[in-house]
Structures are given as C-alpha cells and as structure tokens.
Amino acid sequence: MVFFSQGKDPLINALKELEHQRITVLYVIVDGKNSVLNMNHVEFENGKPKLTPYIAVFPFSFYALVRTTSTLPGTLAEAIRQWFEMTMRD
C-alpha cells in the first residue's frame, strides 16, 4: 500500500501500474464541512508560493465526491454504470 506521506510519485507510479493491468481505481471522497474543493496545493516557484486547487492535482483519475452518506449508494451505482460504459468502448 502506498501512502501520501511517501510522496505523490510512488502513488502515481502505482496507479499507472494498475491502469496498465486494466484495473480501475475509484477513490470515494466523503466530503464534509472542510471540503476538499476548498483545499489548495502549494508549490514554490522562484521562492514564491503558487496556490493550485488541490482537486486539480489530485492523483486519482477517477473519483467520486459524496457530500452525505445517503447519496453513496446512488453514486457508486452511477460509477459502476460509467465504468461498464467506459470498458465496453475499449
């Protein structure tokens, strides 16, 4: 298992390997008051901080954002439907 504490590169490499094996990873985010949509990623360019919305650099290609757990079953059903649609095109 790869954790973010080891940096983003090992995670990205692991996700690429899974994709190569035709394994799709769906990352489910149960979002609350401190929304991931409000988070920023900070990089320094020429000593100055550059803020980017975290979701723009999120390493998972496929993710579902769920605000309440009551919508989780429908969200997962829709994700599975989209996965079937995507895999039937290949």
N, C-alpha and C. Protein backbone atom coordinates (compact mmCIF):
# COMPACT_ATOMS: atom_id res chain seq x y z
N MET A 1 0.84 -1.17 0.00
CA MET A 1 0.00 0.00 0.00
C MET A 1 0.89 1.24 0.00
N VAL A 2 0.53 2.21 -0.81
CA VAL A 2 1.29 3.44 -0.92
C VAL A 2 0.51 4.54 -0.22
N PHE A 3 1.18 5.31 0.60
CA PHE A 3 0.53 6.39 1.33
C PHE A 3 1.08 7.72 0.84
N PHE A 4 0.26 8.78 1.01
CA PHE A 4 0.68 10.11 0.59
C PHE A 4 1.92 10.57 1.34
N SER A 5 2.16 10.07 2.56
CA SER A 5 3.32 10.50 3.32
C SER A 5 4.63 10.13 2.64
N GLN A 6 4.58 9.16 1.72
CA GLN A 6 5.77 8.77 0.98
C GLN A 6 5.96 9.64 -0.27
N GLY A 7 5.11 10.61 -0.44
CA GLY A 7 5.18 11.47 -1.61
C GLY A 7 4.20 11.02 -2.67
N LYS A 8 3.99 11.87 -3.62
CA LYS A 8 2.99 11.60 -4.66
C LYS A 8 3.51 10.68 -5.76
N ASP A 9 4.80 10.70 -6.03
CA ASP A 9 5.35 9.90 -7.13
C ASP A 9 5.13 8.40 -6.99
N PRO A 10 5.37 7.79 -5.82
CA PRO A 10 5.10 6.35 -5.70
C PRO A 10 3.62 6.02 -5.93
N LEU A 11 2.75 6.91 -5.48
CA LEU A 11 1.32 6.70 -5.68
C LEU A 11 0.97 6.76 -7.16
N ILE A 12 1.49 7.75 -7.85
CA ILE A 12 1.22 7.89 -9.28
C ILE A 12 1.76 6.69 -10.04
N ASN A 13 2.95 6.23 -9.68
CA ASN A 13 3.52 5.04 -10.33
C ASN A 13 2.66 3.81 -10.08
N ALA A 14 2.17 3.66 -8.85
CA ALA A 14 1.30 2.52 -8.53
C ALA A 14 0.00 2.58 -9.32
N LEU A 15 -0.57 3.78 -9.45
CA LEU A 15 -1.80 3.93 -10.22
C LEU A 15 -1.58 3.64 -11.71
N LYS A 16 -0.43 4.05 -12.24
CA LYS A 16 -0.11 3.74 -13.64
C LYS A 16 0.04 2.25 -13.85
N GLU A 17 0.66 1.57 -12.89
CA GLU A 17 0.81 0.11 -12.99
C GLU A 17 -0.55 -0.57 -12.96
N LEU A 18 -1.42 -0.12 -12.09
CA LEU A 18 -2.77 -0.69 -12.04
C LEU A 18 -3.52 -0.45 -13.35
N GLU A 19 -3.37 0.75 -13.90
CA GLU A 19 -4.01 1.06 -15.19
C GLU A 19 -3.46 0.15 -16.28
N HIS A 20 -2.16 -0.08 -16.26
CA HIS A 20 -1.54 -0.98 -17.23
C HIS A 20 -2.12 -2.39 -17.13
N GLN A 21 -2.48 -2.80 -15.91
CA GLN A 21 -3.09 -4.10 -15.68
C GLN A 21 -4.60 -4.07 -15.91
N ARG A 22 -5.09 -2.95 -16.41
CA ARG A 22 -6.51 -2.75 -16.69
C ARG A 22 -7.37 -2.83 -15.43
N ILE A 23 -6.83 -2.30 -14.34
CA ILE A 23 -7.55 -2.21 -13.07
C ILE A 23 -7.91 -0.75 -12.85
N THR A 24 -9.18 -0.51 -12.62
CA THR A 24 -9.65 0.85 -12.40
C THR A 24 -9.82 1.09 -10.90
N VAL A 25 -9.28 2.19 -10.43
CA VAL A 25 -9.39 2.57 -9.02
C VAL A 25 -10.35 3.75 -8.93
N LEU A 26 -11.38 3.59 -8.11
CA LEU A 26 -12.30 4.69 -7.83
C LEU A 26 -12.04 5.16 -6.41
N TYR A 27 -11.66 6.40 -6.26
CA TYR A 27 -11.41 6.99 -4.95
C TYR A 27 -12.68 7.71 -4.53
N VAL A 28 -13.26 7.29 -3.43
CA VAL A 28 -14.50 7.89 -2.94
C VAL A 28 -14.15 8.87 -1.82
N ILE A 29 -14.55 10.11 -2.02
CA ILE A 29 -14.31 11.15 -1.03
C ILE A 29 -15.64 11.48 -0.37
N VAL A 30 -15.73 11.20 0.92
CA VAL A 30 -16.91 11.63 1.67
C VAL A 30 -16.56 13.00 2.24
N ASP A 31 -17.12 14.01 1.60
CA ASP A 31 -16.73 15.40 1.86
C ASP A 31 -17.63 16.00 2.92
N GLY A 32 -17.05 16.78 3.78
CA GLY A 32 -17.81 17.39 4.87
C GLY A 32 -17.68 18.90 4.87
N LYS A 33 -17.64 19.44 6.07
CA LYS A 33 -17.60 20.89 6.23
C LYS A 33 -16.32 21.50 5.67
N ASN A 34 -15.18 20.85 5.90
CA ASN A 34 -13.91 21.34 5.36
C ASN A 34 -13.68 20.65 4.02
N SER A 35 -14.38 21.12 3.02
CA SER A 35 -14.42 20.46 1.72
C SER A 35 -13.06 20.40 1.04
N VAL A 36 -12.81 19.27 0.41
CA VAL A 36 -11.59 19.10 -0.39
C VAL A 36 -11.58 20.11 -1.54
N LEU A 37 -12.75 20.57 -1.94
CA LEU A 37 -12.83 21.56 -3.02
C LEU A 37 -12.29 22.92 -2.59
N ASN A 38 -12.18 23.14 -1.28
CA ASN A 38 -11.65 24.41 -0.77
C ASN A 38 -10.16 24.32 -0.44
N MET A 39 -9.57 23.14 -0.60
CA MET A 39 -8.16 22.96 -0.27
C MET A 39 -7.26 23.39 -1.43
N ASN A 40 -6.07 23.83 -1.09
CA ASN A 40 -5.10 24.24 -2.09
C ASN A 40 -3.83 23.40 -1.97
N HIS A 41 -3.16 23.27 -3.10
CA HIS A 41 -1.83 22.65 -3.18
C HIS A 41 -0.84 23.79 -3.35
N VAL A 42 0.22 23.77 -2.56
CA VAL A 42 1.19 24.86 -2.61
C VAL A 42 2.49 24.36 -3.21
N GLU A 43 2.97 25.08 -4.20
CA GLU A 43 4.29 24.85 -4.79
C GLU A 43 5.03 26.18 -4.75
N PHE A 44 6.33 26.11 -4.67
CA PHE A 44 7.12 27.33 -4.65
C PHE A 44 7.85 27.49 -5.99
N GLU A 45 7.64 28.61 -6.61
CA GLU A 45 8.32 28.96 -7.86
C GLU A 45 9.10 30.24 -7.62
N ASN A 46 10.40 30.16 -7.80
CA ASN A 46 11.28 31.31 -7.56
C ASN A 46 11.10 31.86 -6.15
N GLY A 47 10.89 30.96 -5.21
CA GLY A 47 10.75 31.37 -3.82
C GLY A 47 9.38 31.91 -3.44
N LYS A 48 8.46 31.95 -4.40
CA LYS A 48 7.13 32.49 -4.12
C LYS A 48 6.11 31.35 -4.16
N PRO A 49 5.16 31.36 -3.22
CA PRO A 49 4.16 30.29 -3.21
C PRO A 49 3.17 30.43 -4.37
N LYS A 50 2.85 29.29 -4.96
CA LYS A 50 1.86 29.24 -6.03
C LYS A 50 0.75 28.29 -5.56
N LEU A 51 -0.46 28.80 -5.43
CA LEU A 51 -1.59 28.01 -4.97
C LEU A 51 -2.36 27.45 -6.16
N THR A 52 -2.66 26.16 -6.08
CA THR A 52 -3.45 25.48 -7.09
C THR A 52 -4.55 24.72 -6.36
N PRO A 53 -5.78 24.72 -6.87
CA PRO A 53 -6.80 23.90 -6.21
C PRO A 53 -6.32 22.45 -6.11
N TYR A 54 -6.44 21.87 -4.91
CA TYR A 54 -5.93 20.52 -4.69
C TYR A 54 -6.55 19.51 -5.64
N ILE A 55 -7.82 19.67 -5.93
CA ILE A 55 -8.50 18.70 -6.78
C ILE A 55 -7.91 18.72 -8.20
N ALA A 56 -7.27 19.82 -8.59
CA ALA A 56 -6.66 19.91 -9.93
C ALA A 56 -5.39 19.06 -10.02
N VAL A 57 -4.76 18.79 -8.88
CA VAL A 57 -3.54 17.97 -8.88
C VAL A 57 -3.78 16.63 -8.18
N PHE A 58 -5.04 16.31 -7.91
CA PHE A 58 -5.39 15.06 -7.25
C PHE A 58 -4.92 13.91 -8.12
N PRO A 59 -4.18 12.96 -7.56
CA PRO A 59 -3.54 11.93 -8.40
C PRO A 59 -4.47 10.85 -8.95
N PHE A 60 -5.70 10.77 -8.46
CA PHE A 60 -6.62 9.74 -8.94
C PHE A 60 -7.44 10.26 -10.12
N SER A 61 -7.43 9.52 -11.22
CA SER A 61 -8.18 9.93 -12.40
C SER A 61 -9.68 9.80 -12.18
N PHE A 62 -10.07 8.79 -11.42
CA PHE A 62 -11.48 8.53 -11.19
C PHE A 62 -11.78 8.68 -9.71
N TYR A 63 -12.62 9.65 -9.41
CA TYR A 63 -13.01 9.86 -8.03
C TYR A 63 -14.47 10.28 -7.98
N ALA A 64 -15.08 10.01 -6.85
CA ALA A 64 -16.46 10.42 -6.61
C ALA A 64 -16.48 11.25 -5.34
N LEU A 65 -17.13 12.37 -5.43
CA LEU A 65 -17.25 13.28 -4.29
C LEU A 65 -18.67 13.15 -3.75
N VAL A 66 -18.77 12.72 -2.50
CA VAL A 66 -20.06 12.48 -1.87
C VAL A 66 -20.19 13.43 -0.69
N ARG A 67 -21.26 14.19 -0.67
CA ARG A 67 -21.48 15.15 0.43
C ARG A 67 -22.11 14.49 1.65
N THR A 68 -23.04 13.56 1.41
CA THR A 68 -23.70 12.86 2.51
C THR A 68 -23.69 11.37 2.22
N THR A 69 -23.61 10.58 3.27
CA THR A 69 -23.55 9.13 3.08
C THR A 69 -24.83 8.58 2.47
N SER A 70 -25.94 9.30 2.58
CA SER A 70 -27.19 8.81 1.99
C SER A 70 -27.12 8.78 0.46
N THR A 71 -26.23 9.56 -0.14
CA THR A 71 -26.10 9.56 -1.60
C THR A 71 -25.05 8.55 -2.08
N LEU A 72 -24.36 7.91 -1.15
CA LEU A 72 -23.29 6.98 -1.51
C LEU A 72 -23.77 5.82 -2.39
N PRO A 73 -24.86 5.12 -2.07
CA PRO A 73 -25.29 4.01 -2.93
C PRO A 73 -25.57 4.43 -4.38
N GLY A 74 -26.25 5.54 -4.56
CA GLY A 74 -26.53 6.03 -5.91
C GLY A 74 -25.27 6.45 -6.64
N THR A 75 -24.35 7.06 -5.92
CA THR A 75 -23.08 7.48 -6.52
C THR A 75 -22.27 6.27 -6.97
N LEU A 76 -22.21 5.24 -6.13
CA LEU A 76 -21.48 4.03 -6.50
C LEU A 76 -22.14 3.32 -7.68
N ALA A 77 -23.46 3.29 -7.70
CA ALA A 77 -24.19 2.68 -8.83
C ALA A 77 -23.88 3.42 -10.13
N GLU A 78 -23.87 4.74 -10.06
CA GLU A 78 -23.55 5.54 -11.25
C GLU A 78 -22.11 5.33 -11.68
N ALA A 79 -21.19 5.23 -10.72
CA ALA A 79 -19.78 4.99 -11.05
C ALA A 79 -19.61 3.64 -11.74
N ILE A 80 -20.30 2.63 -11.25
CA ILE A 80 -20.22 1.30 -11.87
C ILE A 80 -20.80 1.33 -13.27
N ARG A 81 -21.94 2.05 -13.44
CA ARG A 81 -22.53 2.17 -14.78
C ARG A 81 -21.55 2.83 -15.74
N GLN A 82 -20.90 3.90 -15.29
CA GLN A 82 -19.93 4.60 -16.14
C GLN A 82 -18.72 3.71 -16.42
N TRP A 83 -18.31 2.92 -15.44
CA TRP A 83 -17.18 2.02 -15.65
C TRP A 83 -17.51 1.00 -16.74
N PHE A 84 -18.71 0.41 -16.69
CA PHE A 84 -19.12 -0.53 -17.73
C PHE A 84 -19.14 0.15 -19.09
N GLU A 85 -19.67 1.35 -19.14
CA GLU A 85 -19.72 2.10 -20.40
C GLU A 85 -18.31 2.35 -20.93
N MET A 86 -17.40 2.72 -20.06
CA MET A 86 -16.02 3.01 -20.45
C MET A 86 -15.31 1.75 -20.93
N THR A 87 -15.50 0.64 -20.23
CA THR A 87 -14.79 -0.59 -20.59
C THR A 87 -15.35 -1.24 -21.84
N MET A 88 -16.60 -0.99 -22.16
CA MET A 88 -17.19 -1.56 -23.37
C MET A 88 -16.67 -0.87 -24.63
N ARG A 89 -16.18 0.36 -24.49
CA ARG A 89 -15.61 1.08 -25.64
C ARG A 89 -14.26 0.57 -26.01
N ASP A 90 -13.51 0.03 -25.05
CA ASP A 90 -12.13 -0.41 -25.30
C ASP A 90 -12.06 -1.67 -26.09
